[in-house]
Amino acid sequence: MGTAKPSNDGEAYTLLRGSYDAAFQELIDNRRNGAQGESVRASEETVRYHRDRVAEFLLTEREPEPDTQSRLRVAAYFIWLNAGSPAGTAVSDWIFAEREAHLSPV
């Protein structure tokens, strides 16, 4: 069964974010239900995959193009959020977002 192609950037983001949210909720449910081992590792990997797709989208989409600072701010926020919101990582999260932005195709 094929997946419909999004008609605009907003729809594409909504689909990507929905996939990420669903994966994250599955991870939370697995942990709450006491799942361990491979089940949790697979859920964590799925969350990372979808997180990276959202960050990639935010860093590479150009229509409409928000300023670079806004794009980096959002990407760094997702990096921080998905790392478990650790204290003291703002600079390293920002640098990682900048590095990813420079590696992404323009």
C-alpha atoms as a PDB file:
ATOM      1  CA  MET A   1       0.000   0.000   0.000  1.00  0.00           C
ATOM      2  CA  GLY A   2       1.564   3.330  -1.094  1.00  0.00           C
ATOM      3  CA  THR A   3       1.805   6.487   0.938  1.00  0.00           C
ATOM      4  CA  ALA A   4       0.230   9.670  -0.379  1.00  0.00           C
ATOM      5  CA  LYS A   5       2.743  12.414  -1.128  1.00  0.00           C
ATOM      6  CA  PRO A   6       2.168  15.550   0.948  1.00  0.00           C
ATOM      7  CA  SER A   7       0.869  18.486  -1.070  1.00  0.00           C
ATOM      8  CA  ASN A   8       2.804  21.170   0.851  1.00  0.00           C
ATOM      9  CA  ASP A   9       5.458  21.730   3.502  1.00  0.00           C
ATOM     10  CA  GLY A  10       2.917  22.073   6.311  1.00  0.00           C
ATOM     11  CA  GLU A  11       1.348  18.734   5.456  1.00  0.00           C
ATOM     12  CA  ALA A  12       4.770  17.095   5.139  1.00  0.00           C
ATOM     13  CA  TYR A  13       5.788  18.396   8.558  1.00  0.00           C
ATOM     14  CA  THR A  14       2.504  17.246  10.072  1.00  0.00           C
ATOM     15  CA  LEU A  15       3.046  13.722   8.717  1.00  0.00           C
ATOM     16  CA  LEU A  16       6.647  13.590   9.913  1.00  0.00           C
ATOM     17  CA  ARG A  17       5.761  14.953  13.332  1.00  0.00           C
ATOM     18  CA  GLY A  18       2.830  12.533  13.609  1.00  0.00           C
ATOM     19  CA  SER A  19       5.165   9.610  12.907  1.00  0.00           C
ATOM     20  CA  TYR A  20       7.613  10.880  15.501  1.00  0.00           C
ATOM     21  CA  ASP A  21       4.888  11.423  18.108  1.00  0.00           C
ATOM     22  CA  ALA A  22       3.479   7.925  17.531  1.00  0.00           C
ATOM     23  CA  ALA A  23       6.925   6.341  17.864  1.00  0.00           C
ATOM     24  CA  PHE A  24       7.641   8.323  21.028  1.00  0.00           C
ATOM     25  CA  GLN A  25       4.281   7.328  22.529  1.00  0.00           C
ATOM     26  CA  GLU A  26       5.039   3.668  21.752  1.00  0.00           C
ATOM     27  CA  LEU A  27       8.364   3.985  23.578  1.00  0.00           C
ATOM     28  CA  ILE A  28       6.649   5.557  26.585  1.00  0.00           C
ATOM     29  CA  ASP A  29       4.016   2.811  26.595  1.00  0.00           C
ATOM     30  CA  ASN A  30       6.681   0.109  26.392  1.00  0.00           C
ATOM     31  CA  ARG A  31       8.546   1.573  29.349  1.00  0.00           C
ATOM     32  CA  ARG A  32       5.375   2.045  31.402  1.00  0.00           C
ATOM     33  CA  ASN A  33       4.374  -1.561  30.724  1.00  0.00           C
ATOM     34  CA  GLY A  34       7.738  -2.798  31.931  1.00  0.00           C
ATOM     35  CA  ALA A  35       9.066  -3.857  28.532  1.00  0.00           C
ATOM     36  CA  GLN A  36      12.784  -4.563  28.436  1.00  0.00           C
ATOM     37  CA  GLY A  37      15.507  -5.651  26.115  1.00  0.00           C
ATOM     38  CA  GLU A  38      14.986  -5.759  22.383  1.00  0.00           C
ATOM     39  CA  SER A  39      11.483  -4.278  22.515  1.00  0.00           C
ATOM     40  CA  VAL A  40      12.700  -1.087  24.202  1.00  0.00           C
ATOM     41  CA  ARG A  41      15.825  -0.883  22.029  1.00  0.00           C
ATOM     42  CA  ALA A  42      13.697  -1.186  18.888  1.00  0.00           C
ATOM     43  CA  SER A  43      11.356   1.548  20.133  1.00  0.00           C
ATOM     44  CA  GLU A  44      14.304   3.800  20.946  1.00  0.00           C
ATOM     45  CA  GLU A  45      15.766   3.244  17.482  1.00  0.00           C
ATOM     46  CA  THR A  46      12.410   4.069  15.879  1.00  0.00           C
ATOM     47  CA  VAL A  47      12.153   7.281  17.906  1.00  0.00           C
ATOM     48  CA  ARG A  48      15.683   8.310  16.854  1.00  0.00           C
ATOM     49  CA  TYR A  49      14.893   7.558  13.205  1.00  0.00           C
ATOM     50  CA  HIS A  50      11.751   9.711  13.204  1.00  0.00           C
ATOM     51  CA  ARG A  51      13.456  12.453  15.254  1.00  0.00           C
ATOM     52  CA  ASP A  52      16.221  12.627  12.662  1.00  0.00           C
ATOM     53  CA  ARG A  53      13.697  12.835   9.819  1.00  0.00           C
ATOM     54  CA  VAL A  54      11.937  15.771  11.531  1.00  0.00           C
ATOM     55  CA  ALA A  55      15.254  17.549  12.167  1.00  0.00           C
ATOM     56  CA  GLU A  56      16.363  16.894   8.583  1.00  0.00           C
ATOM     57  CA  PHE A  57      13.105  18.313   7.267  1.00  0.00           C
ATOM     58  CA  LEU A  58      13.418  21.420   9.431  1.00  0.00           C
ATOM     59  CA  LEU A  59      16.990  21.968   8.305  1.00  0.00           C
ATOM     60  CA  THR A  60      16.518  21.366   4.570  1.00  0.00           C
ATOM     61  CA  GLU A  61      13.066  22.568   3.557  1.00  0.00           C
ATOM     62  CA  ARG A  62      13.189  25.952   1.848  1.00  0.00           C
ATOM     63  CA  GLU A  63       9.548  26.882   1.121  1.00  0.00           C
ATOM     64  CA  PRO A  64       8.806  29.127   2.926  1.00  0.00           C
ATOM     65  CA  GLU A  65      12.280  29.655   4.300  1.00  0.00           C
ATOM     66  CA  PRO A  66      12.499  30.828   7.884  1.00  0.00           C
ATOM     67  CA  ASP A  67      15.715  32.543   8.867  1.00  0.00           C
ATOM     68  CA  THR A  68      18.678  30.343   9.688  1.00  0.00           C
ATOM     69  CA  GLN A  69      18.612  31.209  13.384  1.00  0.00           C
ATOM     70  CA  SER A  70      14.994  30.050  13.726  1.00  0.00           C
ATOM     71  CA  ARG A  71      15.734  26.838  11.875  1.00  0.00           C
ATOM     72  CA  LEU A  72      18.762  26.101  14.047  1.00  0.00           C
ATOM     73  CA  ARG A  73      16.827  26.972  17.197  1.00  0.00           C
ATOM     74  CA  VAL A  74      14.105  24.461  16.350  1.00  0.00           C
ATOM     75  CA  ALA A  75      16.622  21.766  15.370  1.00  0.00           C
ATOM     76  CA  ALA A  76      18.677  22.303  18.549  1.00  0.00           C
ATOM     77  CA  TYR A  77      15.473  22.156  20.599  1.00  0.00           C
ATOM     78  CA  PHE A  78      14.549  18.761  19.086  1.00  0.00           C
ATOM     79  CA  ILE A  79      18.068  17.471  19.716  1.00  0.00           C
ATOM     80  CA  TRP A  80      17.833  18.588  23.354  1.00  0.00           C
ATOM     81  CA  LEU A  81      14.291  17.307  23.804  1.00  0.00           C
ATOM     82  CA  ASN A  82      15.053  13.898  22.367  1.00  0.00           C
ATOM     83  CA  ALA A  83      18.182  13.552  24.482  1.00  0.00           C
ATOM     84  CA  GLY A  84      15.935  13.697  27.524  1.00  0.00           C
ATOM     85  CA  SER A  85      16.197  17.458  28.129  1.00  0.00           C
ATOM     86  CA  PRO A  86      19.552  17.290  29.915  1.00  0.00           C
ATOM     87  CA  ALA A  87      20.878  20.368  31.674  1.00  0.00           C
ATOM     88  CA  GLY A  88      23.914  22.143  30.281  1.00  0.00           C
ATOM     89  CA  THR A  89      23.812  20.909  26.677  1.00  0.00           C
ATOM     90  CA  ALA A  90      22.591  24.059  24.916  1.00  0.00           C
ATOM     91  CA  VAL A  91      25.916  24.861  23.267  1.00  0.00           C
ATOM     92  CA  SER A  92      26.658  21.306  22.144  1.00  0.00           C
ATOM     93  CA  ASP A  93      23.075  20.900  20.855  1.00  0.00           C
ATOM     94  CA  TRP A  94      23.397  24.168  18.888  1.00  0.00           C
ATOM     95  CA  ILE A  95      26.764  23.122  17.434  1.00  0.00           C
ATOM     96  CA  PHE A  96      25.328  19.737  16.431  1.00  0.00           C
ATOM     97  CA  ALA A  97      22.371  21.462  14.736  1.00  0.00           C
ATOM     98  CA  GLU A  98      24.750  23.786  12.868  1.00  0.00           C
ATOM     99  CA  ARG A  99      26.910  20.841  11.775  1.00  0.00           C
ATOM    100  CA  GLU A 100      23.837  18.977  10.522  1.00  0.00           C
ATOM    101  CA  ALA A 101      22.647  22.092   8.657  1.00  0.00           C
ATOM    102  CA  HIS A 102      25.992  22.377   6.866  1.00  0.00           C
ATOM    103  CA  LEU A 103      25.944  18.683   5.930  1.00  0.00           C
ATOM    104  CA  SER A 104      22.387  18.832   4.587  1.00  0.00           C
ATOM    105  CA  PRO A 105      21.863  19.506   0.878  1.00  0.00           C
ATOM    106  CA  VAL A 106      20.676  23.039   0.160  1.00  0.00           C
END
